[in-house]
Amino acid sequence: MARWHASPSTLRRAFKRAVAQAKIIKHVGPHTLRHSFASHLLAAGTDIRTIQTLLGHRNIETTMIYTHITPDHKQVCSPLDLIRKDD
């Protein structure tokens, strides 16, 4: 299997192009994907230690920053969740 590596500048340019094509007007960068990944894992109930490992944080305190921005999502559902499967 061939492996390849992309330079950080190449990834930043590709991300910038994707943001422009998606017409996103907020300031976002590649780190936004990492932050969203961690926040969604936490909202889904993933253990904070598992998230720490996945993000490569040495200190749990670094990972804990995601806990203060994420309210209790267990009571929130998508409108799509309200559609009955037998309809």
PDB file of N, CA and C in Angstrom:
ATOM      1  N   MET A   1       0.839  -1.167   0.000  1.00  0.00           N
ATOM      2  CA  MET A   1       0.000   0.000   0.000  1.00  0.00           C
ATOM      3  C   MET A   1       0.890   1.239   0.000  1.00  0.00           C
ATOM      4  N   ALA A   2       0.598   2.143  -0.898  1.00  0.00           N
ATOM      5  CA  ALA A   2       1.361   3.384  -0.972  1.00  0.00           C
ATOM      6  C   ALA A   2       0.894   4.347   0.110  1.00  0.00           C
ATOM      7  N   ARG A   3       1.824   5.047   0.695  1.00  0.00           N
ATOM      8  CA  ARG A   3       1.500   6.074   1.690  1.00  0.00           C
ATOM      9  C   ARG A   3       1.948   7.408   1.154  1.00  0.00           C
ATOM     10  N   TRP A   4       1.225   8.439   1.510  1.00  0.00           N
ATOM     11  CA  TRP A   4       1.606   9.764   1.080  1.00  0.00           C
ATOM     12  C   TRP A   4       1.393  10.719   2.238  1.00  0.00           C
ATOM     13  N   HIS A   5       2.079  11.812   2.170  1.00  0.00           N
ATOM     14  CA  HIS A   5       1.970  12.834   3.202  1.00  0.00           C
ATOM     15  C   HIS A   5       1.681  14.164   2.523  1.00  0.00           C
ATOM     16  N   ALA A   6       0.812  14.925   3.117  1.00  0.00           N
ATOM     17  CA  ALA A   6       0.500  16.257   2.594  1.00  0.00           C
ATOM     18  C   ALA A   6       1.094  17.292   3.539  1.00  0.00           C
ATOM     19  N   SER A   7       1.590  18.325   2.979  1.00  0.00           N
ATOM     20  CA  SER A   7       2.155  19.385   3.812  1.00  0.00           C
ATOM     21  C   SER A   7       1.018  20.159   4.473  1.00  0.00           C
ATOM     22  N   PRO A   8       1.281  20.765   5.627  1.00  0.00           N
ATOM     23  CA  PRO A   8       0.250  21.571   6.289  1.00  0.00           C
ATOM     24  C   PRO A   8      -0.294  22.685   5.393  1.00  0.00           C
ATOM     25  N   SER A   9       0.574  23.302   4.597  1.00  0.00           N
ATOM     26  CA  SER A   9       0.101  24.389   3.734  1.00  0.00           C
ATOM     27  C   SER A   9      -0.845  23.860   2.650  1.00  0.00           C
ATOM     28  N   THR A  10      -0.585  22.667   2.134  1.00  0.00           N
ATOM     29  CA  THR A  10      -1.468  22.065   1.139  1.00  0.00           C
ATOM     30  C   THR A  10      -2.838  21.780   1.746  1.00  0.00           C
ATOM     31  N   LEU A  11      -2.854  21.257   2.966  1.00  0.00           N
ATOM     32  CA  LEU A  11      -4.117  20.981   3.641  1.00  0.00           C
ATOM     33  C   LEU A  11      -4.883  22.272   3.941  1.00  0.00           C
ATOM     34  N   ARG A  12      -4.171  23.297   4.365  1.00  0.00           N
ATOM     35  CA  ARG A  12      -4.831  24.579   4.641  1.00  0.00           C
ATOM     36  C   ARG A  12      -5.469  25.160   3.381  1.00  0.00           C
ATOM     37  N   ARG A  13      -4.737  25.092   2.266  1.00  0.00           N
ATOM     38  CA  ARG A  13      -5.281  25.610   1.000  1.00  0.00           C
ATOM     39  C   ARG A  13      -6.519  24.819   0.575  1.00  0.00           C
ATOM     40  N   ALA A  14      -6.453  23.507   0.680  1.00  0.00           N
ATOM     41  CA  ALA A  14      -7.598  22.668   0.301  1.00  0.00           C
ATOM     42  C   ALA A  14      -8.794  22.967   1.201  1.00  0.00           C
ATOM     43  N   PHE A  15      -8.535  23.148   2.486  1.00  0.00           N
ATOM     44  CA  PHE A  15      -9.614  23.450   3.422  1.00  0.00           C
ATOM     45  C   PHE A  15     -10.223  24.809   3.097  1.00  0.00           C
ATOM     46  N   LYS A  16      -9.381  25.783   2.796  1.00  0.00           N
ATOM     47  CA  LYS A  16      -9.856  27.130   2.461  1.00  0.00           C
ATOM     48  C   LYS A  16     -10.737  27.087   1.218  1.00  0.00           C
ATOM     49  N   ARG A  17     -10.327  26.310   0.219  1.00  0.00           N
ATOM     50  CA  ARG A  17     -11.141  26.155  -0.996  1.00  0.00           C
ATOM     51  C   ARG A  17     -12.482  25.513  -0.683  1.00  0.00           C
ATOM     52  N   ALA A  18     -12.474  24.472   0.160  1.00  0.00           N
ATOM     53  CA  ALA A  18     -13.714  23.776   0.521  1.00  0.00           C
ATOM     54  C   ALA A  18     -14.659  24.708   1.276  1.00  0.00           C
ATOM     55  N   VAL A  19     -14.117  25.519   2.162  1.00  0.00           N
ATOM     56  CA  VAL A  19     -14.933  26.485   2.917  1.00  0.00           C
ATOM     57  C   VAL A  19     -15.560  27.494   1.947  1.00  0.00           C
ATOM     58  N   ALA A  20     -14.785  27.966   0.988  1.00  0.00           N
ATOM     59  CA  ALA A  20     -15.311  28.920   0.006  1.00  0.00           C
ATOM     60  C   ALA A  20     -16.408  28.283  -0.852  1.00  0.00           C
ATOM     61  N   GLN A  21     -16.180  27.044  -1.288  1.00  0.00           N
ATOM     62  CA  GLN A  21     -17.173  26.354  -2.109  1.00  0.00           C
ATOM     63  C   GLN A  21     -18.464  26.099  -1.334  1.00  0.00           C
ATOM     64  N   ALA A  22     -18.334  25.856  -0.030  1.00  0.00           N
ATOM     65  CA  ALA A  22     -19.509  25.616   0.811  1.00  0.00           C
ATOM     66  C   ALA A  22     -20.191  26.924   1.221  1.00  0.00           C
ATOM     67  N   LYS A  23     -19.575  28.045   0.845  1.00  0.00           N
ATOM     68  CA  LYS A  23     -20.101  29.379   1.154  1.00  0.00           C
ATOM     69  C   LYS A  23     -20.265  29.596   2.662  1.00  0.00           C
ATOM     70  N   ILE A  24     -19.299  29.105   3.412  1.00  0.00           N
ATOM     71  CA  ILE A  24     -19.282  29.320   4.860  1.00  0.00           C
ATOM     72  C   ILE A  24     -18.669  30.689   5.107  1.00  0.00           C
ATOM     73  N   ILE A  25     -19.395  31.534   5.827  1.00  0.00           N
ATOM     74  CA  ILE A  25     -18.903  32.897   6.036  1.00  0.00           C
ATOM     75  C   ILE A  25     -18.202  33.065   7.380  1.00  0.00           C
ATOM     76  N   LYS A  26     -18.390  32.126   8.298  1.00  0.00           N
ATOM     77  CA  LYS A  26     -17.690  32.200   9.580  1.00  0.00           C
ATOM     78  C   LYS A  26     -16.218  31.859   9.380  1.00  0.00           C
ATOM     79  N   HIS A  27     -15.382  32.363  10.292  1.00  0.00           N
ATOM     80  CA  HIS A  27     -13.962  31.999  10.252  1.00  0.00           C
ATOM     81  C   HIS A  27     -13.820  30.566  10.734  1.00  0.00           C
ATOM     82  N   VAL A  28     -13.348  29.700   9.881  1.00  0.00           N
ATOM     83  CA  VAL A  28     -13.081  28.309  10.244  1.00  0.00           C
ATOM     84  C   VAL A  28     -11.729  27.921   9.687  1.00  0.00           C
ATOM     85  N   GLY A  29     -11.099  26.974  10.352  1.00  0.00           N
ATOM     86  CA  GLY A  29      -9.828  26.442   9.894  1.00  0.00           C
ATOM     87  C   GLY A  29      -9.815  24.939  10.111  1.00  0.00           C
ATOM     88  N   PRO A  30      -8.769  24.281   9.720  1.00  0.00           N
ATOM     89  CA  PRO A  30      -8.693  22.833   9.911  1.00  0.00           C
ATOM     90  C   PRO A  30      -8.896  22.412  11.368  1.00  0.00           C
ATOM     91  N   HIS A  31      -8.496  23.265  12.301  1.00  0.00           N
ATOM     92  CA  HIS A  31      -8.678  22.929  13.716  1.00  0.00           C
ATOM     93  C   HIS A  31     -10.162  22.839  14.081  1.00  0.00           C
ATOM     94  N   THR A  32     -11.009  23.526  13.325  1.00  0.00           N
ATOM     95  CA  THR A  32     -12.447  23.462  13.559  1.00  0.00           C
ATOM     96  C   THR A  32     -12.945  22.028  13.418  1.00  0.00           C
ATOM     97  N   LEU A  33     -12.394  21.282  12.463  1.00  0.00           N
ATOM     98  CA  LEU A  33     -12.785  19.882  12.295  1.00  0.00           C
ATOM     99  C   LEU A  33     -12.409  19.052  13.514  1.00  0.00           C
ATOM    100  N   ARG A  34     -11.231  19.284  14.041  1.00  0.00           N
ATOM    101  CA  ARG A  34     -10.767  18.566  15.234  1.00  0.00           C
ATOM    102  C   ARG A  34     -11.664  18.893  16.426  1.00  0.00           C
ATOM    103  N   HIS A  35     -11.989  20.175  16.564  1.00  0.00           N
ATOM    104  CA  HIS A  35     -12.833  20.618  17.666  1.00  0.00           C
ATOM    105  C   HIS A  35     -14.237  20.011  17.536  1.00  0.00           C
ATOM    106  N   SER A  36     -14.780  20.019  16.335  1.00  0.00           N
ATOM    107  CA  SER A  36     -16.104  19.435  16.097  1.00  0.00           C
ATOM    108  C   SER A  36     -16.102  17.941  16.369  1.00  0.00           C
ATOM    109  N   PHE A  37     -15.060  17.258  15.939  1.00  0.00           N
ATOM    110  CA  PHE A  37     -14.923  15.821  16.177  1.00  0.00           C
ATOM    111  C   PHE A  37     -15.005  15.522  17.664  1.00  0.00           C
ATOM    112  N   ALA A  38     -14.227  16.239  18.462  1.00  0.00           N
ATOM    113  CA  ALA A  38     -14.216  16.011  19.910  1.00  0.00           C
ATOM    114  C   ALA A  38     -15.560  16.351  20.536  1.00  0.00           C
ATOM    115  N   SER A  39     -16.153  17.454  20.118  1.00  0.00           N
ATOM    116  CA  SER A  39     -17.436  17.873  20.678  1.00  0.00           C
ATOM    117  C   SER A  39     -18.539  16.871  20.361  1.00  0.00           C
ATOM    118  N   HIS A  40     -18.549  16.360  19.136  1.00  0.00           N
ATOM    119  CA  HIS A  40     -19.564  15.372  18.756  1.00  0.00           C
ATOM    120  C   HIS A  40     -19.368  14.051  19.492  1.00  0.00           C
ATOM    121  N   LEU A  41     -18.130  13.644  19.674  1.00  0.00           N
ATOM    122  CA  LEU A  41     -17.875  12.430  20.461  1.00  0.00           C
ATOM    123  C   LEU A  41     -18.392  12.587  21.881  1.00  0.00           C
ATOM    124  N   LEU A  42     -18.102  13.724  22.470  1.00  0.00           N
ATOM    125  CA  LEU A  42     -18.547  13.989  23.831  1.00  0.00           C
ATOM    126  C   LEU A  42     -20.064  14.005  23.910  1.00  0.00           C
ATOM    127  N   ALA A  43     -20.710  14.661  22.950  1.00  0.00           N
ATOM    128  CA  ALA A  43     -22.173  14.727  22.924  1.00  0.00           C
ATOM    129  C   ALA A  43     -22.796  13.346  22.751  1.00  0.00           C
ATOM    130  N   ALA A  44     -22.074  12.459  22.072  1.00  0.00           N
ATOM    131  CA  ALA A  44     -22.580  11.101  21.846  1.00  0.00           C
ATOM    132  C   ALA A  44     -22.337  10.188  23.045  1.00  0.00           C
ATOM    133  N   GLY A  45     -21.684  10.731  24.070  1.00  0.00           N
ATOM    134  CA  GLY A  45     -21.475   9.943  25.282  1.00  0.00           C
ATOM    135  C   GLY A  45     -20.144   9.221  25.355  1.00  0.00           C
ATOM    136  N   THR A  46     -19.229   9.549  24.470  1.00  0.00           N
ATOM    137  CA  THR A  46     -17.906   8.920  24.491  1.00  0.00           C
ATOM    138  C   THR A  46     -17.152   9.359  25.741  1.00  0.00           C
ATOM    139  N   ASP A  47     -16.497   8.433  26.370  1.00  0.00           N
ATOM    140  CA  ASP A  47     -15.721   8.695  27.585  1.00  0.00           C
ATOM    141  C   ASP A  47     -14.630   9.720  27.310  1.00  0.00           C
ATOM    142  N   ILE A  48     -14.458  10.646  28.237  1.00  0.00           N
ATOM    143  CA  ILE A  48     -13.483  11.729  28.066  1.00  0.00           C
ATOM    144  C   ILE A  48     -12.055  11.190  27.913  1.00  0.00           C
ATOM    145  N   ARG A  49     -11.748  10.073  28.558  1.00  0.00           N
ATOM    146  CA  ARG A  49     -10.405   9.473  28.420  1.00  0.00           C
ATOM    147  C   ARG A  49     -10.184   8.932  27.010  1.00  0.00           C
ATOM    148  N   THR A  50     -11.242   8.398  26.414  1.00  0.00           N
ATOM    149  CA  THR A  50     -11.137   7.918  25.032  1.00  0.00           C
ATOM    150  C   THR A  50     -10.891   9.090  24.092  1.00  0.00           C
ATOM    151  N   ILE A  51     -11.607  10.186  24.312  1.00  0.00           N
ATOM    152  CA  ILE A  51     -11.422  11.384  23.497  1.00  0.00           C
ATOM    153  C   ILE A  51      -9.997  11.909  23.678  1.00  0.00           C
ATOM    154  N   GLN A  52      -9.509  11.897  24.908  1.00  0.00           N
ATOM    155  CA  GLN A  52      -8.139  12.324  25.186  1.00  0.00           C
ATOM    156  C   GLN A  52      -7.150  11.521  24.342  1.00  0.00           C
ATOM    157  N   THR A  53      -7.345  10.217  24.314  1.00  0.00           N
ATOM    158  CA  THR A  53      -6.450   9.346  23.549  1.00  0.00           C
ATOM    159  C   THR A  53      -6.544   9.639  22.052  1.00  0.00           C
ATOM    160  N   LEU A  54      -7.754   9.773  21.554  1.00  0.00           N
ATOM    161  CA  LEU A  54      -7.940  10.028  20.128  1.00  0.00           C
ATOM    162  C   LEU A  54      -7.336  11.352  19.690  1.00  0.00           C
ATOM    163  N   LEU A  55      -7.402  12.356  20.563  1.00  0.00           N
ATOM    164  CA  LEU A  55      -6.851  13.665  20.219  1.00  0.00           C
ATOM    165  C   LEU A  55      -5.355  13.755  20.485  1.00  0.00           C
ATOM    166  N   GLY A  56      -4.822  12.796  21.221  1.00  0.00           N
ATOM    167  CA  GLY A  56      -3.393  12.796  21.505  1.00  0.00           C
ATOM    168  C   GLY A  56      -2.985  13.776  22.594  1.00  0.00           C
ATOM    169  N   HIS A  57      -3.938  14.127  23.462  1.00  0.00           N
ATOM    170  CA  HIS A  57      -3.620  15.032  24.564  1.00  0.00           C
ATOM    171  C   HIS A  57      -2.894  14.285  25.671  1.00  0.00           C
ATOM    172  N   ARG A  58      -1.852  14.856  26.184  1.00  0.00           N
ATOM    173  CA  ARG A  58      -1.139  14.254  27.316  1.00  0.00           C
ATOM    174  C   ARG A  58      -1.880  14.503  28.622  1.00  0.00           C
ATOM    175  N   ASN A  59      -2.464  15.688  28.725  1.00  0.00           N
ATOM    176  CA  ASN A  59      -3.106  16.099  29.961  1.00  0.00           C
ATOM    177  C   ASN A  59      -4.622  16.111  29.770  1.00  0.00           C
ATOM    178  N   ILE A  60      -5.345  15.480  30.677  1.00  0.00           N
ATOM    179  CA  ILE A  60      -6.802  15.423  30.588  1.00  0.00           C
ATOM    180  C   ILE A  60      -7.413  16.824  30.646  1.00  0.00           C
ATOM    181  N   GLU A  61      -6.729  17.749  31.303  1.00  0.00           N
ATOM    182  CA  GLU A  61      -7.236  19.124  31.404  1.00  0.00           C
ATOM    183  C   GLU A  61      -7.371  19.762  30.012  1.00  0.00           C
ATOM    184  N   THR A  62      -6.490  19.412  29.116  1.00  0.00           N
ATOM    185  CA  THR A  62      -6.578  19.927  27.756  1.00  0.00           C
ATOM    186  C   THR A  62      -7.854  19.431  27.088  1.00  0.00           C
ATOM    187  N   THR A  63      -8.171  18.176  27.298  1.00  0.00           N
ATOM    188  CA  THR A  63      -9.371  17.586  26.717  1.00  0.00           C
ATOM    189  C   THR A  63     -10.631  18.131  27.381  1.00  0.00           C
ATOM    190  N   MET A  64     -10.532  18.480  28.640  1.00  0.00           N
ATOM    191  CA  MET A  64     -11.695  18.941  29.394  1.00  0.00           C
ATOM    192  C   MET A  64     -12.265  20.260  28.867  1.00  0.00           C
ATOM    193  N   ILE A  65     -11.509  20.970  28.025  1.00  0.00           N
ATOM    194  CA  ILE A  65     -12.054  22.221  27.490  1.00  0.00           C
ATOM    195  C   ILE A  65     -13.327  21.962  26.689  1.00  0.00           C
ATOM    196  N   TYR A  66     -13.468  20.766  26.159  1.00  0.00           N
ATOM    197  CA  TYR A  66     -14.651  20.440  25.359  1.00  0.00           C
ATOM    198  C   TYR A  66     -15.885  20.232  26.229  1.00  0.00           C
ATOM    199  N   THR A  67     -15.696  19.990  27.511  1.00  0.00           N
ATOM    200  CA  THR A  67     -16.853  19.723  28.369  1.00  0.00           C
ATOM    201  C   THR A  67     -17.611  20.984  28.725  1.00  0.00           C
ATOM    202  N   HIS A  68     -16.958  22.121  28.775  1.00  0.00           N
ATOM    203  CA  HIS A  68     -17.664  23.339  29.161  1.00  0.00           C
ATOM    204  C   HIS A  68     -18.464  23.959  28.025  1.00  0.00           C
ATOM    205  N   ILE A  69     -18.172  23.590  26.798  1.00  0.00           N
ATOM    206  CA  ILE A  69     -18.912  24.162  25.678  1.00  0.00           C
ATOM    207  C   ILE A  69     -20.057  23.278  25.229  1.00  0.00           C
ATOM    208  N   THR A  70     -20.117  22.073  25.743  1.00  0.00           N
ATOM    209  CA  THR A  70     -21.118  21.132  25.303  1.00  0.00           C
ATOM    210  C   THR A  70     -22.173  20.954  26.386  1.00  0.00           C
ATOM    211  N   PRO A  71     -23.358  21.501  26.187  1.00  0.00           N
ATOM    212  CA  PRO A  71     -24.421  21.275  27.168  1.00  0.00           C
ATOM    213  C   PRO A  71     -24.907  19.841  27.097  1.00  0.00           C
ATOM    214  N   ASP A  72     -25.818  19.489  27.952  1.00  0.00           N
ATOM    215  CA  ASP A  72     -26.348  18.131  27.964  1.00  0.00           C
ATOM    216  C   ASP A  72     -27.152  17.890  26.688  1.00  0.00           C
ATOM    217  N   HIS A  73     -26.565  17.168  25.748  1.00  0.00           N
ATOM    218  CA  HIS A  73     -27.222  16.917  24.467  1.00  0.00           C
ATOM    219  C   HIS A  73     -28.144  15.713  24.493  1.00  0.00           C
ATOM    220  N   LYS A  74     -28.196  15.012  25.580  1.00  0.00           N
ATOM    221  CA  LYS A  74     -29.022  13.812  25.631  1.00  0.00           C
ATOM    222  C   LYS A  74     -30.509  14.142  25.486  1.00  0.00           C
ATOM    223  N   GLN A  75     -30.906  15.370  25.813  1.00  0.00           N
ATOM    224  CA  GLN A  75     -32.304  15.762  25.709  1.00  0.00           C
ATOM    225  C   GLN A  75     -32.620  16.397  24.359  1.00  0.00           C
ATOM    226  N   VAL A  76     -31.619  16.615  23.543  1.00  0.00           N
ATOM    227  CA  VAL A  76     -31.813  17.261  22.254  1.00  0.00           C
ATOM    228  C   VAL A  76     -31.891  16.178  21.188  1.00  0.00           C
ATOM    229  N   CYS A  77     -32.832  16.350  20.270  1.00  0.00           N
ATOM    230  CA  CYS A  77     -32.902  15.392  19.172  1.00  0.00           C
ATOM    231  C   CYS A  77     -33.126  16.141  17.870  1.00  0.00           C
ATOM    232  N   SER A  78     -32.774  15.506  16.815  1.00  0.00           N
ATOM    233  CA  SER A  78     -32.977  16.064  15.489  1.00  0.00           C
ATOM    234  C   SER A  78     -34.451  15.934  15.126  1.00  0.00           C
ATOM    235  N   PRO A  79     -34.974  16.873  14.359  1.00  0.00           N
ATOM    236  CA  PRO A  79     -36.353  16.703  13.884  1.00  0.00           C
ATOM    237  C   PRO A  79     -36.535  15.406  13.096  1.00  0.00           C
ATOM    238  N   LEU A  80     -35.459  14.941  12.485  1.00  0.00           N
ATOM    239  CA  LEU A  80     -35.542  13.670  11.753  1.00  0.00           C
ATOM    240  C   LEU A  80     -35.784  12.494  12.697  1.00  0.00           C
ATOM    241  N   ASP A  81     -35.330  12.619  13.955  1.00  0.00           N
ATOM    242  CA  ASP A  81     -35.566  11.563  14.929  1.00  0.00           C
ATOM    243  C   ASP A  81     -37.047  11.434  15.269  1.00  0.00           C
ATOM    244  N   LEU A  82     -37.810  12.478  15.016  1.00  0.00           N
ATOM    245  CA  LEU A  82     -39.231  12.484  15.348  1.00  0.00           C
ATOM    246  C   LEU A  82     -40.086  11.828  14.278  1.00  0.00           C
ATOM    247  N   ILE A  83     -39.506  11.572  13.112  1.00  0.00           N
ATOM    248  CA  ILE A  83     -40.247  10.920  12.037  1.00  0.00           C
ATOM    249  C   ILE A  83     -40.359   9.436  12.369  1.00  0.00           C
ATOM    250  N   ARG A  84     -41.555   8.975  12.367  1.00  0.00           N
ATOM    251  CA  ARG A  84     -41.783   7.541  12.666  1.00  0.00           C
ATOM    252  C   ARG A  84     -41.366   6.703  11.482  1.00  0.00           C
ATOM    253  N   LYS A  85     -40.733   5.582  11.762  1.00  0.00           N
ATOM    254  CA  LYS A  85     -40.231   4.713  10.702  1.00  0.00           C
ATOM    255  C   LYS A  85     -41.376   4.057   9.919  1.00  0.00           C
ATOM    256  N   ASP A  86     -42.519   3.875  10.549  1.00  0.00           N
ATOM    257  CA  ASP A  86     -43.636   3.200   9.873  1.00  0.00           C
ATOM    258  C   ASP A  86     -44.546   4.152   9.107  1.00  0.00           C
ATOM    259  N   ASP A  87     -44.171   5.432   9.036  1.00  0.00           N
ATOM    260  CA  ASP A  87     -44.984   6.402   8.269  1.00  0.00           C
ATOM    261  C   ASP A  87     -44.691   6.279   6.801  1.00  0.00           C
TER     262      ASP A  87
END
